[in-house]
Amino acid sequence: MIQGDKLDELADEKTYTKYSKGEFIFKEGTRPFGIFCLNSGKVKLVKAGEDGRNHILRLHRQGDLLGYRSLFSETGYNASAIALEECQICFIPRELFLKFIKEDSDLAFELLKMLSD
């Protein structure tokens, strides 16, 4: 999808982080600064219930994007993402990601399809 100069720009700006089992990738209520792409491992998306317990909303696996809904809505995360096992995650800064969306209609369309699921 992303090609040429944009791919080079992405390679320069993205970062990779390893998360251990049980470690938070992001926490409910915090503001998003970019999106996360799960390169390996599994992540659960949980929301704190009124009873104080975490309720699992979704499970993510390799290739999934995390945090894009909050990024687009410009609100805090509505849930927390927690590593279920050791994970490697790529982070793309908000400004770069939004720039790609504005410049690439095919990428924007793919993200719209993801949001509709």
Protein backbone atom coordinates (compact mmCIF):
# COMPACT_ATOMS: atom_id res chain seq x y z
CA MET A 1 0.00 0.00 0.00
CA ILE A 2 2.66 2.54 1.05
CA GLN A 3 5.43 2.88 -1.51
CA GLY A 4 8.54 4.81 -2.50
CA ASP A 5 9.46 7.97 -0.59
CA LYS A 6 6.60 7.46 1.86
CA LEU A 7 7.95 4.04 2.79
CA ASP A 8 11.38 5.58 3.45
CA GLU A 9 9.80 8.30 5.58
CA LEU A 10 7.87 5.70 7.54
CA ALA A 11 11.03 3.64 8.09
CA ASP A 12 12.76 6.72 9.52
CA GLU A 13 9.93 7.64 11.91
CA LYS A 14 8.50 4.36 13.21
CA THR A 15 9.84 2.66 16.30
CA TYR A 16 9.72 -0.93 17.56
CA THR A 17 9.15 -1.87 21.18
CA LYS A 18 9.02 -5.24 22.91
CA TYR A 19 6.35 -5.71 25.56
CA SER A 20 6.35 -8.46 28.17
CA LYS A 21 3.31 -10.50 29.16
CA GLY A 22 0.99 -8.33 31.27
CA GLU A 23 2.58 -5.04 30.21
CA PHE A 24 0.34 -2.15 29.11
CA ILE A 25 0.73 -0.91 25.54
CA PHE A 26 -1.66 1.95 26.29
CA LYS A 27 -4.09 2.72 29.10
CA GLU A 28 -7.76 3.61 29.02
CA GLY A 29 -8.30 7.37 29.15
CA THR A 30 -4.84 8.38 27.92
CA ARG A 31 -4.53 10.41 24.72
CA PRO A 32 -3.21 8.71 21.59
CA PHE A 33 0.07 9.89 20.08
CA GLY A 34 0.05 7.44 17.16
CA ILE A 35 -0.99 3.96 16.11
CA PHE A 36 0.41 0.57 17.01
CA CYS A 37 0.92 -2.36 14.64
CA LEU A 38 1.25 -5.75 16.28
CA ASN A 39 4.23 -7.45 14.61
CA SER A 40 4.25 -10.52 16.85
CA GLY A 41 2.42 -11.80 19.90
CA LYS A 42 -1.12 -11.31 21.16
CA VAL A 43 -2.82 -8.38 22.89
CA LYS A 44 -6.11 -8.06 24.73
CA LEU A 45 -8.18 -4.90 24.73
CA VAL A 46 -9.86 -4.48 28.12
CA LYS A 47 -12.23 -1.98 29.68
CA ALA A 48 -12.51 -1.40 33.40
CA GLY A 49 -15.97 -2.28 34.66
CA GLU A 50 -17.89 -0.64 37.47
CA ASP A 51 -17.06 -3.70 39.56
CA GLY A 52 -13.34 -2.84 39.24
CA ARG A 53 -12.61 -5.85 37.05
CA ASN A 54 -11.27 -5.72 33.50
CA HIS A 55 -13.64 -6.97 30.81
CA ILE A 56 -12.09 -8.26 27.57
CA LEU A 57 -13.47 -6.44 24.53
CA ARG A 58 -11.25 -7.85 21.80
CA LEU A 59 -8.19 -9.98 21.14
CA HIS A 60 -5.55 -8.84 18.66
CA ARG A 61 -2.89 -10.86 16.85
CA GLN A 62 -0.03 -10.32 14.42
CA GLY A 63 -0.81 -7.74 11.74
CA ASP A 64 -3.58 -5.95 13.66
CA LEU A 65 -3.59 -2.18 14.18
CA LEU A 66 -4.31 -0.80 17.64
CA GLY A 67 -5.41 2.65 18.73
CA TYR A 68 -6.61 4.04 15.42
CA ARG A 69 -10.21 4.66 16.53
CA SER A 70 -9.15 6.98 19.34
CA LEU A 71 -6.60 8.62 17.08
CA PHE A 72 -9.29 9.56 14.55
CA SER A 73 -11.84 10.64 17.16
CA GLU A 74 -9.20 12.70 19.01
CA THR A 75 -10.33 11.31 22.36
CA GLY A 76 -8.62 9.26 25.01
CA TYR A 77 -8.43 5.51 24.56
CA ASN A 78 -11.75 3.91 25.52
CA ALA A 79 -9.94 0.74 26.64
CA SER A 80 -6.51 -0.51 27.68
CA ALA A 81 -4.26 -2.75 25.58
CA ILE A 82 -2.33 -5.40 27.51
CA ALA A 83 0.19 -7.92 26.15
CA LEU A 84 -1.00 -11.52 26.55
CA GLU A 85 2.49 -12.77 25.72
CA GLU A 86 5.76 -11.21 24.64
CA CYS A 87 4.96 -8.85 21.76
CA GLN A 88 6.87 -6.74 19.29
CA ILE A 89 4.93 -3.65 18.30
CA CYS A 90 5.66 -0.96 15.73
CA PHE A 91 4.60 2.59 16.65
CA ILE A 92 3.81 5.21 14.00
CA PRO A 93 3.54 8.83 15.24
CA ARG A 94 0.15 10.54 14.86
CA GLU A 95 1.33 13.35 12.55
CA LEU A 96 3.02 10.99 10.11
CA PHE A 97 0.09 8.59 10.05
CA LEU A 98 -2.45 11.39 9.43
CA LYS A 99 -0.22 12.83 6.69
CA PHE A 100 -0.24 9.45 4.91
CA ILE A 101 -4.04 9.26 5.20
CA LYS A 102 -4.44 12.73 3.67
CA GLU A 103 -2.06 11.95 0.79
CA ASP A 104 -3.11 8.38 -0.02
CA SER A 105 -6.79 7.78 -0.80
CA ASP A 106 -6.28 4.00 -1.09
CA LEU A 107 -4.83 3.86 2.42
CA ALA A 108 -7.68 6.04 3.72
CA PHE A 109 -10.22 3.70 2.12
CA GLU A 110 -8.61 0.62 3.69
CA LEU A 111 -8.80 2.28 7.10
CA LEU A 112 -12.46 3.15 6.57
CA LYS A 113 -13.13 -0.52 5.88
CA MET A 114 -11.35 -1.45 9.12
CA LEU A 115 -13.40 1.09 11.08
CA SER A 116 -16.63 -0.35 9.71
CA ASP A 117 -15.84 -3.86 11.01
